[in-house]
Amino acid sequence: MPRNYTILGQQNPAANILTTLYGVPAGNSAVISSINIANLDANVAAFSIAANLSGSATTNTNHLAFRVAIPGNDSIALSLGITLNASSQLSVNANSSTLSFSAFGTEIY
C-alpha cells in the first residue's frame, strides 16, 4: 500500500471552538506520529485533543488530552502513533486563540 509521510494538518483555532486538525480522506487510513502544540503568548493556556470515528460526534470518550495546561511561550511535543480509519478525524480545542497545533504522520492509500 502506498504511503505519504507528511504534515497532516496545522491549525490556530479560535478560542473555545472545536476545530478539525486532520480528517482522513475516504478510502485511506492514517497514522498520527506526533502532534506539536505551541503557545504563542506569554500567558498560560489549555488545550484538548480528540479522535473520533467517521460520522460520530465528539464526546468525553474521544478525548486523548483534556484541558492540558501549557505555559506561556512554550511548546509541547506528543509522540503518539494513533491509527485512524477512513473519514475519522482528529480535533483540537483551546481556551485561547494563541495556541498553534501541528500534526505529522502517514497517510496510507
PDB file of N, CA and C in Angstrom:
ATOM      1  N   MET A   1       0.837  -1.172   0.000  1.00  0.00           N
ATOM      2  CA  MET A   1       0.000   0.000   0.000  1.00  0.00           C
ATOM      3  C   MET A   1       0.887   1.241   0.000  1.00  0.00           C
ATOM      4  N   PRO A   2       0.619   2.174  -0.896  1.00  0.00           N
ATOM      5  CA  PRO A   2       1.403   3.423  -0.927  1.00  0.00           C
ATOM      6  C   PRO A   2       1.200   4.245   0.339  1.00  0.00           C
ATOM      7  N   ARG A   3       2.261   4.934   0.724  1.00  0.00           N
ATOM      8  CA  ARG A   3       2.234   5.782   1.922  1.00  0.00           C
ATOM      9  C   ARG A   3       2.749   7.173   1.577  1.00  0.00           C
ATOM     10  N   ASN A   4       2.208   8.155   2.304  1.00  0.00           N
ATOM     11  CA  ASN A   4       2.648   9.533   2.146  1.00  0.00           C
ATOM     12  C   ASN A   4       2.973  10.082   3.523  1.00  0.00           C
ATOM     13  N   TYR A   5       4.276  10.335   3.796  1.00  0.00           N
ATOM     14  CA  TYR A   5       4.721  10.913   5.063  1.00  0.00           C
ATOM     15  C   TYR A   5       4.612  12.428   4.933  1.00  0.00           C
ATOM     16  N   THR A   6       3.848  13.063   5.816  1.00  0.00           N
ATOM     17  CA  THR A   6       3.527  14.460   5.569  1.00  0.00           C
ATOM     18  C   THR A   6       3.096  15.202   6.837  1.00  0.00           C
ATOM     19  N   ILE A   7       2.979  16.508   6.689  1.00  0.00           N
ATOM     20  CA  ILE A   7       2.276  17.318   7.684  1.00  0.00           C
ATOM     21  C   ILE A   7       0.791  17.078   7.419  1.00  0.00           C
ATOM     22  N   LEU A   8       0.109  16.501   8.372  1.00  0.00           N
ATOM     23  CA  LEU A   8      -1.292  16.142   8.166  1.00  0.00           C
ATOM     24  C   LEU A   8      -2.234  17.316   8.385  1.00  0.00           C
ATOM     25  N   GLY A   9      -1.855  18.232   9.253  1.00  0.00           N
ATOM     26  CA  GLY A   9      -2.715  19.383   9.487  1.00  0.00           C
ATOM     27  C   GLY A   9      -2.057  20.389  10.399  1.00  0.00           C
ATOM     28  N   GLN A  10      -2.425  21.661  10.202  1.00  0.00           N
ATOM     29  CA  GLN A  10      -1.960  22.749  11.057  1.00  0.00           C
ATOM     30  C   GLN A  10      -3.112  23.710  11.269  1.00  0.00           C
ATOM     31  N   GLN A  11      -3.338  24.076  12.531  1.00  0.00           N
ATOM     32  CA  GLN A  11      -4.439  24.975  12.870  1.00  0.00           C
ATOM     33  C   GLN A  11      -4.029  25.922  13.988  1.00  0.00           C
ATOM     34  N   ASN A  12      -4.596  27.099  13.941  1.00  0.00           N
ATOM     35  CA  ASN A  12      -4.527  28.079  15.029  1.00  0.00           C
ATOM     36  C   ASN A  12      -5.986  28.457  15.305  1.00  0.00           C
ATOM     37  N   PRO A  13      -6.719  27.589  16.042  1.00  0.00           N
ATOM     38  CA  PRO A  13      -8.164  27.770  16.166  1.00  0.00           C
ATOM     39  C   PRO A  13      -8.571  28.945  17.044  1.00  0.00           C
ATOM     40  N   ALA A  14      -9.767  29.416  16.802  1.00  0.00           N
ATOM     41  CA  ALA A  14     -10.362  30.432  17.668  1.00  0.00           C
ATOM     42  C   ALA A  14     -10.598  29.810  19.046  1.00  0.00           C
ATOM     43  N   ALA A  15     -10.620  30.628  20.069  1.00  0.00           N
ATOM     44  CA  ALA A  15     -10.809  30.149  21.437  1.00  0.00           C
ATOM     45  C   ALA A  15     -12.133  29.415  21.597  1.00  0.00           C
ATOM     46  N   ASN A  16     -12.075  28.285  22.295  1.00  0.00           N
ATOM     47  CA  ASN A  16     -13.258  27.503  22.678  1.00  0.00           C
ATOM     48  C   ASN A  16     -14.097  27.002  21.508  1.00  0.00           C
ATOM     49  N   ILE A  17     -13.456  26.777  20.363  1.00  0.00           N
ATOM     50  CA  ILE A  17     -14.137  26.235  19.187  1.00  0.00           C
ATOM     51  C   ILE A  17     -13.461  24.922  18.810  1.00  0.00           C
ATOM     52  N   LEU A  18     -14.196  23.800  18.881  1.00  0.00           N
ATOM     53  CA  LEU A  18     -13.654  22.520  18.463  1.00  0.00           C
ATOM     54  C   LEU A  18     -13.389  22.586  16.962  1.00  0.00           C
ATOM     55  N   THR A  19     -12.146  22.339  16.566  1.00  0.00           N
ATOM     56  CA  THR A  19     -11.709  22.524  15.187  1.00  0.00           C
ATOM     57  C   THR A  19     -11.044  21.246  14.688  1.00  0.00           C
ATOM     58  N   THR A  20     -11.361  20.845  13.465  1.00  0.00           N
ATOM     59  CA  THR A  20     -10.718  19.668  12.881  1.00  0.00           C
ATOM     60  C   THR A  20      -9.279  19.998  12.523  1.00  0.00           C
ATOM     61  N   LEU A  21      -8.356  19.250  13.106  1.00  0.00           N
ATOM     62  CA  LEU A  21      -6.942  19.394  12.772  1.00  0.00           C
ATOM     63  C   LEU A  21      -6.616  18.550  11.554  1.00  0.00           C
ATOM     64  N   TYR A  22      -7.218  17.354  11.477  1.00  0.00           N
ATOM     65  CA  TYR A  22      -6.980  16.469  10.333  1.00  0.00           C
ATOM     66  C   TYR A  22      -8.160  15.537  10.170  1.00  0.00           C
ATOM     67  N   GLY A  23      -8.597  15.384   8.941  1.00  0.00           N
ATOM     68  CA  GLY A  23      -9.630  14.416   8.594  1.00  0.00           C
ATOM     69  C   GLY A  23      -9.059  13.421   7.602  1.00  0.00           C
ATOM     70  N   VAL A  24      -9.230  12.132   7.871  1.00  0.00           N
ATOM     71  CA  VAL A  24      -8.705  11.095   6.987  1.00  0.00           C
ATOM     72  C   VAL A  24      -9.576  11.044   5.727  1.00  0.00           C
ATOM     73  N   PRO A  25      -8.961  11.143   4.545  1.00  0.00           N
ATOM     74  CA  PRO A  25      -9.745  11.057   3.307  1.00  0.00           C
ATOM     75  C   PRO A  25     -10.458   9.701   3.186  1.00  0.00           C
ATOM     76  N   ALA A  26     -11.605   9.694   2.526  1.00  0.00           N
ATOM     77  CA  ALA A  26     -12.345   8.461   2.291  1.00  0.00           C
ATOM     78  C   ALA A  26     -11.450   7.472   1.547  1.00  0.00           C
ATOM     79  N   GLY A  27     -11.491   6.219   1.934  1.00  0.00           N
ATOM     80  CA  GLY A  27     -10.700   5.187   1.286  1.00  0.00           C
ATOM     81  C   GLY A  27      -9.261   5.087   1.785  1.00  0.00           C
ATOM     82  N   ASN A  28      -8.854   5.957   2.687  1.00  0.00           N
ATOM     83  CA  ASN A  28      -7.494   5.949   3.227  1.00  0.00           C
ATOM     84  C   ASN A  28      -7.530   5.602   4.708  1.00  0.00           C
ATOM     85  N   SER A  29      -6.366   5.414   5.262  1.00  0.00           N
ATOM     86  CA  SER A  29      -6.191   5.360   6.711  1.00  0.00           C
ATOM     87  C   SER A  29      -4.974   6.209   7.022  1.00  0.00           C
ATOM     88  N   ALA A  30      -4.718   6.445   8.302  1.00  0.00           N
ATOM     89  CA  ALA A  30      -3.605   7.317   8.666  1.00  0.00           C
ATOM     90  C   ALA A  30      -3.027   6.918  10.008  1.00  0.00           C
ATOM     91  N   VAL A  31      -1.765   7.255  10.195  1.00  0.00           N
ATOM     92  CA  VAL A  31      -1.092   7.113  11.481  1.00  0.00           C
ATOM     93  C   VAL A  31      -0.590   8.493  11.868  1.00  0.00           C
ATOM     94  N   ILE A  32      -1.060   8.992  13.005  1.00  0.00           N
ATOM     95  CA  ILE A  32      -0.597  10.282  13.537  1.00  0.00           C
ATOM     96  C   ILE A  32       0.618   9.970  14.409  1.00  0.00           C
ATOM     97  N   SER A  33       1.793  10.353  13.949  1.00  0.00           N
ATOM     98  CA  SER A  33       3.002  10.026  14.707  1.00  0.00           C
ATOM     99  C   SER A  33       3.284  11.045  15.802  1.00  0.00           C
ATOM    100  N   SER A  34       2.980  12.302  15.530  1.00  0.00           N
ATOM    101  CA  SER A  34       3.227  13.323  16.556  1.00  0.00           C
ATOM    102  C   SER A  34       2.322  14.525  16.366  1.00  0.00           C
ATOM    103  N   ILE A  35       2.099  15.201  17.484  1.00  0.00           N
ATOM    104  CA  ILE A  35       1.353  16.465  17.492  1.00  0.00           C
ATOM    105  C   ILE A  35       2.171  17.451  18.304  1.00  0.00           C
ATOM    106  N   ASN A  36       2.388  18.613  17.751  1.00  0.00           N
ATOM    107  CA  ASN A  36       3.076  19.695  18.466  1.00  0.00           C
ATOM    108  C   ASN A  36       2.078  20.797  18.745  1.00  0.00           C
ATOM    109  N   ILE A  37       2.144  21.333  19.958  1.00  0.00           N
ATOM    110  CA  ILE A  37       1.286  22.446  20.365  1.00  0.00           C
ATOM    111  C   ILE A  37       2.197  23.555  20.850  1.00  0.00           C
ATOM    112  N   ALA A  38       2.049  24.734  20.271  1.00  0.00           N
ATOM    113  CA  ALA A  38       2.862  25.887  20.653  1.00  0.00           C
ATOM    114  C   ALA A  38       1.974  26.974  21.225  1.00  0.00           C
ATOM    115  N   ASN A  39       2.368  27.509  22.362  1.00  0.00           N
ATOM    116  CA  ASN A  39       1.668  28.643  22.955  1.00  0.00           C
ATOM    117  C   ASN A  39       2.400  29.900  22.491  1.00  0.00           C
ATOM    118  N   LEU A  40       1.733  30.715  21.702  1.00  0.00           N
ATOM    119  CA  LEU A  40       2.339  31.891  21.078  1.00  0.00           C
ATOM    120  C   LEU A  40       2.206  33.152  21.923  1.00  0.00           C
ATOM    121  N   ASP A  41       1.850  32.987  23.192  1.00  0.00           N
ATOM    122  CA  ASP A  41       1.614  34.125  24.072  1.00  0.00           C
ATOM    123  C   ASP A  41       2.306  33.881  25.418  1.00  0.00           C
ATOM    124  N   ALA A  42       2.481  34.925  26.195  1.00  0.00           N
ATOM    125  CA  ALA A  42       3.149  34.815  27.499  1.00  0.00           C
ATOM    126  C   ALA A  42       2.247  34.228  28.583  1.00  0.00           C
ATOM    127  N   ASN A  43       0.943  34.144  28.339  1.00  0.00           N
ATOM    128  CA  ASN A  43       0.007  33.626  29.347  1.00  0.00           C
ATOM    129  C   ASN A  43      -0.215  32.125  29.190  1.00  0.00           C
ATOM    130  N   VAL A  44      -0.477  31.464  30.318  1.00  0.00           N
ATOM    131  CA  VAL A  44      -0.808  30.039  30.300  1.00  0.00           C
ATOM    132  C   VAL A  44      -2.104  29.834  29.518  1.00  0.00           C
ATOM    133  N   ALA A  45      -2.165  28.748  28.743  1.00  0.00           N
ATOM    134  CA  ALA A  45      -3.383  28.383  28.013  1.00  0.00           C
ATOM    135  C   ALA A  45      -3.586  26.878  28.175  1.00  0.00           C
ATOM    136  N   ALA A  46      -4.770  26.402  27.810  1.00  0.00           N
ATOM    137  CA  ALA A  46      -5.079  24.977  27.924  1.00  0.00           C
ATOM    138  C   ALA A  46      -5.637  24.457  26.609  1.00  0.00           C
ATOM    139  N   PHE A  47      -5.370  23.170  26.344  1.00  0.00           N
ATOM    140  CA  PHE A  47      -5.841  22.567  25.102  1.00  0.00           C
ATOM    141  C   PHE A  47      -6.447  21.200  25.359  1.00  0.00           C
ATOM    142  N   SER A  48      -7.264  20.758  24.395  1.00  0.00           N
ATOM    143  CA  SER A  48      -7.825  19.416  24.374  1.00  0.00           C
ATOM    144  C   SER A  48      -7.643  18.843  22.979  1.00  0.00           C
ATOM    145  N   ILE A  49      -7.506  17.523  22.902  1.00  0.00           N
ATOM    146  CA  ILE A  49      -7.374  16.821  21.626  1.00  0.00           C
ATOM    147  C   ILE A  49      -8.329  15.630  21.672  1.00  0.00           C
ATOM    148  N   ALA A  50      -9.053  15.394  20.572  1.00  0.00           N
ATOM    149  CA  ALA A  50      -9.989  14.271  20.489  1.00  0.00           C
ATOM    150  C   ALA A  50      -9.841  13.573  19.145  1.00  0.00           C
ATOM    151  N   ALA A  51     -10.064  12.278  19.145  1.00  0.00           N
ATOM    152  CA  ALA A  51     -10.084  11.486  17.907  1.00  0.00           C
ATOM    153  C   ALA A  51     -11.395  10.726  17.875  1.00  0.00           C
ATOM    154  N   ASN A  52     -12.101  10.799  16.749  1.00  0.00           N
ATOM    155  CA  ASN A  52     -13.358  10.070  16.667  1.00  0.00           C
ATOM    156  C   ASN A  52     -13.596   9.487  15.282  1.00  0.00           C
ATOM    157  N   LEU A  53     -14.399   8.430  15.276  1.00  0.00           N
ATOM    158  CA  LEU A  53     -14.722   7.708  14.057  1.00  0.00           C
ATOM    159  C   LEU A  53     -15.576   8.548  13.131  1.00  0.00           C
ATOM    160  N   SER A  54     -15.565   8.175  11.898  1.00  0.00           N
ATOM    161  CA  SER A  54     -16.370   8.837  10.876  1.00  0.00           C
ATOM    162  C   SER A  54     -17.823   8.962  11.304  1.00  0.00           C
ATOM    163  N   GLY A  55     -18.340  10.170  11.218  1.00  0.00           N
ATOM    164  CA  GLY A  55     -19.749  10.407  11.473  1.00  0.00           C
ATOM    165  C   GLY A  55     -20.152  10.481  12.929  1.00  0.00           C
ATOM    166  N   SER A  56     -19.231  10.262  13.854  1.00  0.00           N
ATOM    167  CA  SER A  56     -19.614  10.316  15.266  1.00  0.00           C
ATOM    168  C   SER A  56     -19.300  11.683  15.853  1.00  0.00           C
ATOM    169  N   ALA A  57     -20.142  12.104  16.778  1.00  0.00           N
ATOM    170  CA  ALA A  57     -19.921  13.375  17.463  1.00  0.00           C
ATOM    171  C   ALA A  57     -18.812  13.205  18.490  1.00  0.00           C
ATOM    172  N   THR A  58     -18.091  14.266  18.774  1.00  0.00           N
ATOM    173  CA  THR A  58     -17.035  14.216  19.784  1.00  0.00           C
ATOM    174  C   THR A  58     -17.668  14.236  21.170  1.00  0.00           C
ATOM    175  N   THR A  59     -17.333  13.224  21.959  1.00  0.00           N
ATOM    176  CA  THR A  59     -17.839  13.099  23.326  1.00  0.00           C
ATOM    177  C   THR A  59     -16.655  12.927  24.278  1.00  0.00           C
ATOM    178  N   ASN A  60     -16.931  12.804  25.557  1.00  0.00           N
ATOM    179  CA  ASN A  60     -15.866  12.637  26.549  1.00  0.00           C
ATOM    180  C   ASN A  60     -14.999  11.417  26.279  1.00  0.00           C
ATOM    181  N   THR A  61     -15.565  10.363  25.718  1.00  0.00           N
ATOM    182  CA  THR A  61     -14.795   9.140  25.468  1.00  0.00           C
ATOM    183  C   THR A  61     -13.773   9.305  24.345  1.00  0.00           C
ATOM    184  N   ASN A  62     -13.874  10.344  23.539  1.00  0.00           N
ATOM    185  CA  ASN A  62     -12.970  10.554  22.410  1.00  0.00           C
ATOM    186  C   ASN A  62     -11.710  11.336  22.758  1.00  0.00           C
ATOM    187  N   HIS A  63     -11.637  11.880  23.947  1.00  0.00           N
ATOM    188  CA  HIS A  63     -10.510  12.766  24.279  1.00  0.00           C
ATOM    189  C   HIS A  63      -9.220  11.999  24.549  1.00  0.00           C
ATOM    190  N   LEU A  64      -8.158  12.451  23.909  1.00  0.00           N
ATOM    191  CA  LEU A  64      -6.807  11.952  24.150  1.00  0.00           C
ATOM    192  C   LEU A  64      -6.115  12.816  25.192  1.00  0.00           C
ATOM    193  N   ALA A  65      -6.476  14.080  25.218  1.00  0.00           N
ATOM    194  CA  ALA A  65      -5.972  15.051  26.200  1.00  0.00           C
ATOM    195  C   ALA A  65      -7.114  16.014  26.475  1.00  0.00           C
ATOM    196  N   PHE A  66      -7.258  16.440  27.728  1.00  0.00           N
ATOM    197  CA  PHE A  66      -8.382  17.314  28.078  1.00  0.00           C
ATOM    198  C   PHE A  66      -7.917  18.415  29.020  1.00  0.00           C
ATOM    199  N   ARG A  67      -8.050  19.632  28.549  1.00  0.00           N
ATOM    200  CA  ARG A  67      -7.700  20.834  29.322  1.00  0.00           C
ATOM    201  C   ARG A  67      -6.286  20.772  29.911  1.00  0.00           C
ATOM    202  N   VAL A  68      -5.342  20.395  29.075  1.00  0.00           N
ATOM    203  CA  VAL A  68      -3.940  20.324  29.481  1.00  0.00           C
ATOM    204  C   VAL A  68      -3.346  21.728  29.444  1.00  0.00           C
ATOM    205  N   ALA A  69      -2.748  22.152  30.539  1.00  0.00           N
ATOM    206  CA  ALA A  69      -2.148  23.491  30.616  1.00  0.00           C
ATOM    207  C   ALA A  69      -0.801  23.508  29.910  1.00  0.00           C
ATOM    208  N   ILE A  70      -0.558  24.586  29.185  1.00  0.00           N
ATOM    209  CA  ILE A  70       0.730  24.788  28.534  1.00  0.00           C
ATOM    210  C   ILE A  70       1.225  26.185  28.925  1.00  0.00           C
ATOM    211  N   PRO A  71       2.413  26.273  29.503  1.00  0.00           N
ATOM    212  CA  PRO A  71       2.932  27.575  29.944  1.00  0.00           C
ATOM    213  C   PRO A  71       3.067  28.561  28.779  1.00  0.00           C
ATOM    214  N   GLY A  72       3.102  29.823  29.124  1.00  0.00           N
ATOM    215  CA  GLY A  72       3.293  30.856  28.113  1.00  0.00           C
ATOM    216  C   GLY A  72       4.625  30.708  27.403  1.00  0.00           C
ATOM    217  N   ASN A  73       4.633  31.027  26.107  1.00  0.00           N
ATOM    218  CA  ASN A  73       5.835  30.977  25.271  1.00  0.00           C
ATOM    219  C   ASN A  73       6.540  29.630  25.346  1.00  0.00           C
ATOM    220  N   ASP A  74       5.745  28.564  25.366  1.00  0.00           N
ATOM    221  CA  ASP A  74       6.299  27.216  25.466  1.00  0.00           C
ATOM    222  C   ASP A  74       5.623  26.324  24.432  1.00  0.00           C
ATOM    223  N   SER A  75       6.119  25.110  24.310  1.00  0.00           N
ATOM    224  CA  SER A  75       5.505  24.152  23.393  1.00  0.00           C
ATOM    225  C   SER A  75       5.547  22.757  24.008  1.00  0.00           C
ATOM    226  N   ILE A  76       4.677  21.901  23.494  1.00  0.00           N
ATOM    227  CA  ILE A  76       4.602  20.510  23.920  1.00  0.00           C
ATOM    228  C   ILE A  76       4.637  19.648  22.665  1.00  0.00           C
ATOM    229  N   ALA A  77       5.468  18.600  22.674  1.00  0.00           N
ATOM    230  CA  ALA A  77       5.528  17.643  21.575  1.00  0.00           C
ATOM    231  C   ALA A  77       5.021  16.304  22.089  1.00  0.00           C
ATOM    232  N   LEU A  78       4.010  15.771  21.424  1.00  0.00           N
ATOM    233  CA  LEU A  78       3.425  14.493  21.802  1.00  0.00           C
ATOM    234  C   LEU A  78       3.782  13.450  20.749  1.00  0.00           C
ATOM    235  N   SER A  79       4.422  12.367  21.144  1.00  0.00           N
ATOM    236  CA  SER A  79       4.709  11.239  20.245  1.00  0.00           C
ATOM    237  C   SER A  79       3.633  10.200  20.493  1.00  0.00           C
ATOM    238  N   LEU A  80       2.845   9.877  19.450  1.00  0.00           N
ATOM    239  CA  LEU A  80       1.619   9.139  19.698  1.00  0.00           C
ATOM    240  C   LEU A  80       1.494   7.793  18.988  1.00  0.00           C
ATOM    241  N   GLY A  81       1.481   7.762  17.689  1.00  0.00           N
ATOM    242  CA  GLY A  81       1.210   6.529  16.963  1.00  0.00           C
ATOM    243  C   GLY A  81      -0.267   6.183  16.919  1.00  0.00           C
ATOM    244  N   ILE A  82      -1.123   7.181  16.762  1.00  0.00           N
ATOM    245  CA  ILE A  82      -2.575   6.981  16.712  1.00  0.00           C
ATOM    246  C   ILE A  82      -2.959   6.510  15.309  1.00  0.00           C
ATOM    247  N   THR A  83      -3.758   5.463  15.234  1.00  0.00           N
ATOM    248  CA  THR A  83      -4.239   4.984  13.938  1.00  0.00           C
ATOM    249  C   THR A  83      -5.687   5.429  13.746  1.00  0.00           C
ATOM    250  N   LEU A  84      -5.978   5.914  12.551  1.00  0.00           N
ATOM    251  CA  LEU A  84      -7.328   6.377  12.225  1.00  0.00           C
ATOM    252  C   LEU A  84      -7.763   5.738  10.911  1.00  0.00           C
ATOM    253  N   ASN A  85      -9.014   5.298  10.857  1.00  0.00           N
ATOM    254  CA  ASN A  85      -9.528   4.726   9.612  1.00  0.00           C
ATOM    255  C   ASN A  85     -10.173   5.807   8.741  1.00  0.00           C
ATOM    256  N   ALA A  86     -10.648   5.396   7.589  1.00  0.00           N
ATOM    257  CA  ALA A  86     -11.222   6.326   6.615  1.00  0.00           C
ATOM    258  C   ALA A  86     -12.284   7.218   7.244  1.00  0.00           C
ATOM    259  N   SER A  87     -12.209   8.490   6.941  1.00  0.00           N
ATOM    260  CA  SER A  87     -13.176   9.521   7.346  1.00  0.00           C
ATOM    261  C   SER A  87     -13.189   9.829   8.842  1.00  0.00           C
ATOM    262  N   SER A  88     -12.261   9.265   9.605  1.00  0.00           N
ATOM    263  CA  SER A  88     -12.135   9.641  11.020  1.00  0.00           C
ATOM    264  C   SER A  88     -11.495  11.016  11.101  1.00  0.00           C
ATOM    265  N   GLN A  89     -11.563  11.624  12.282  1.00  0.00           N
ATOM    266  CA  GLN A  89     -10.979  12.954  12.407  1.00  0.00           C
ATOM    267  C   GLN A  89     -10.297  13.164  13.745  1.00  0.00           C
ATOM    268  N   LEU A  90      -9.323  14.048  13.698  1.00  0.00           N
ATOM    269  CA  LEU A  90      -8.590  14.488  14.870  1.00  0.00           C
ATOM    270  C   LEU A  90      -8.964  15.946  15.083  1.00  0.00           C
ATOM    271  N   SER A  91      -9.475  16.273  16.270  1.00  0.00           N
ATOM    272  CA  SER A  91      -9.954  17.623  16.547  1.00  0.00           C
ATOM    273  C   SER A  91      -9.200  18.226  17.729  1.00  0.00           C
ATOM    274  N   VAL A  92      -9.115  19.553  17.724  1.00  0.00           N
ATOM    275  CA  VAL A  92      -8.426  20.273  18.790  1.00  0.00           C
ATOM    276  C   VAL A  92      -9.307  21.408  19.294  1.00  0.00           C
ATOM    277  N   ASN A  93      -9.041  21.804  20.527  1.00  0.00           N
ATOM    278  CA  ASN A  93      -9.757  22.904  21.145  1.00  0.00           C
ATOM    279  C   ASN A  93      -8.790  23.591  22.100  1.00  0.00           C
ATOM    280  N   ALA A  94      -8.939  24.873  22.288  1.00  0.00           N
ATOM    281  CA  ALA A  94      -8.093  25.626  23.211  1.00  0.00           C
ATOM    282  C   ALA A  94      -8.920  26.717  23.870  1.00  0.00           C
ATOM    283  N   ASN A  95      -8.508  27.126  25.057  1.00  0.00           N
ATOM    284  CA  ASN A  95      -9.238  28.199  25.737  1.00  0.00           C
ATOM    285  C   ASN A  95      -8.726  29.573  25.318  1.00  0.00           C
ATOM    286  N   SER A  96      -7.805  29.594  24.368  1.00  0.00           N
ATOM    287  CA  SER A  96      -7.214  30.841  23.882  1.00  0.00           C
ATOM    288  C   SER A  96      -6.884  30.677  22.405  1.00  0.00           C
ATOM    289  N   SER A  97      -6.934  31.753  21.668  1.00  0.00           N
ATOM    290  CA  SER A  97      -6.580  31.695  20.241  1.00  0.00           C
ATOM    291  C   SER A  97      -5.071  31.803  20.028  1.00  0.00           C
ATOM    292  N   THR A  98      -4.302  31.649  21.090  1.00  0.00           N
ATOM    293  CA  THR A  98      -2.842  31.776  20.994  1.00  0.00           C
ATOM    294  C   THR A  98      -2.129  30.438  20.859  1.00  0.00           C
ATOM    295  N   LEU A  99      -2.889  29.339  20.714  1.00  0.00           N
ATOM    296  CA  LEU A  99      -2.260  28.035  20.553  1.00  0.00           C
ATOM    297  C   LEU A  99      -2.255  27.614  19.094  1.00  0.00           C
ATOM    298  N   SER A 100      -1.134  27.057  18.669  1.00  0.00           N
ATOM    299  CA  SER A 100      -0.963  26.557  17.310  1.00  0.00           C
ATOM    300  C   SER A 100      -0.722  25.051  17.373  1.00  0.00           C
ATOM    301  N   PHE A 101      -1.421  24.298  16.540  1.00  0.00           N
ATOM    302  CA  PHE A 101      -1.345  22.831  16.531  1.00  0.00           C
ATOM    303  C   PHE A 101      -0.805  22.348  15.185  1.00  0.00           C
ATOM    304  N   SER A 102       0.073  21.363  15.226  1.00  0.00           N
ATOM    305  CA  SER A 102       0.579  20.717  14.005  1.00  0.00           C
ATOM    306  C   SER A 102       0.566  19.208  14.218  1.00  0.00           C
ATOM    307  N   ALA A 103       0.031  18.468  13.240  1.00  0.00           N
ATOM    308  CA  ALA A 103       0.003  17.000  13.279  1.00  0.00           C
ATOM    309  C   ALA A 103       0.872  16.469  12.147  1.00  0.00           C
ATOM    310  N   PHE A 104       1.700  15.482  12.468  1.00  0.00           N
ATOM    311  CA  PHE A 104       2.606  14.875  11.491  1.00  0.00           C
ATOM    312  C   PHE A 104       2.345  13.380  11.462  1.00  0.00           C
ATOM    313  N   GLY A 105       2.451  12.777  10.286  1.00  0.00           N
ATOM    314  CA  GLY A 105       2.231  11.345  10.218  1.00  0.00           C
ATOM    315  C   GLY A 105       2.213  10.823   8.800  1.00  0.00           C
ATOM    316  N   THR A 106       1.478   9.733   8.621  1.00  0.00           N
ATOM    317  CA  THR A 106       1.460   8.990   7.369  1.00  0.00           C
ATOM    318  C   THR A 106       0.036   8.732   6.916  1.00  0.00           C
ATOM    319  N   GLU A 107      -0.240   9.049   5.654  1.00  0.00           N
ATOM    320  CA  GLU A 107      -1.500   8.638   5.031  1.00  0.00           C
ATOM    321  C   GLU A 107      -1.214   7.357   4.255  1.00  0.00           C
ATOM    322  N   ILE A 108      -2.109   6.389   4.387  1.00  0.00           N
ATOM    323  CA  ILE A 108      -1.970   5.101   3.711  1.00  0.00           C
ATOM    324  C   ILE A 108      -3.122   4.974   2.725  1.00  0.00           C
ATOM    325  N   TYR A 109      -2.770   4.762   1.459  1.00  0.00           N
ATOM    326  CA  TYR A 109      -3.780   4.725   0.386  1.00  0.00           C
ATOM    327  C   TYR A 109      -4.184   3.309   0.067  1.00  0.00           C
TER     328      TYR A 109
END
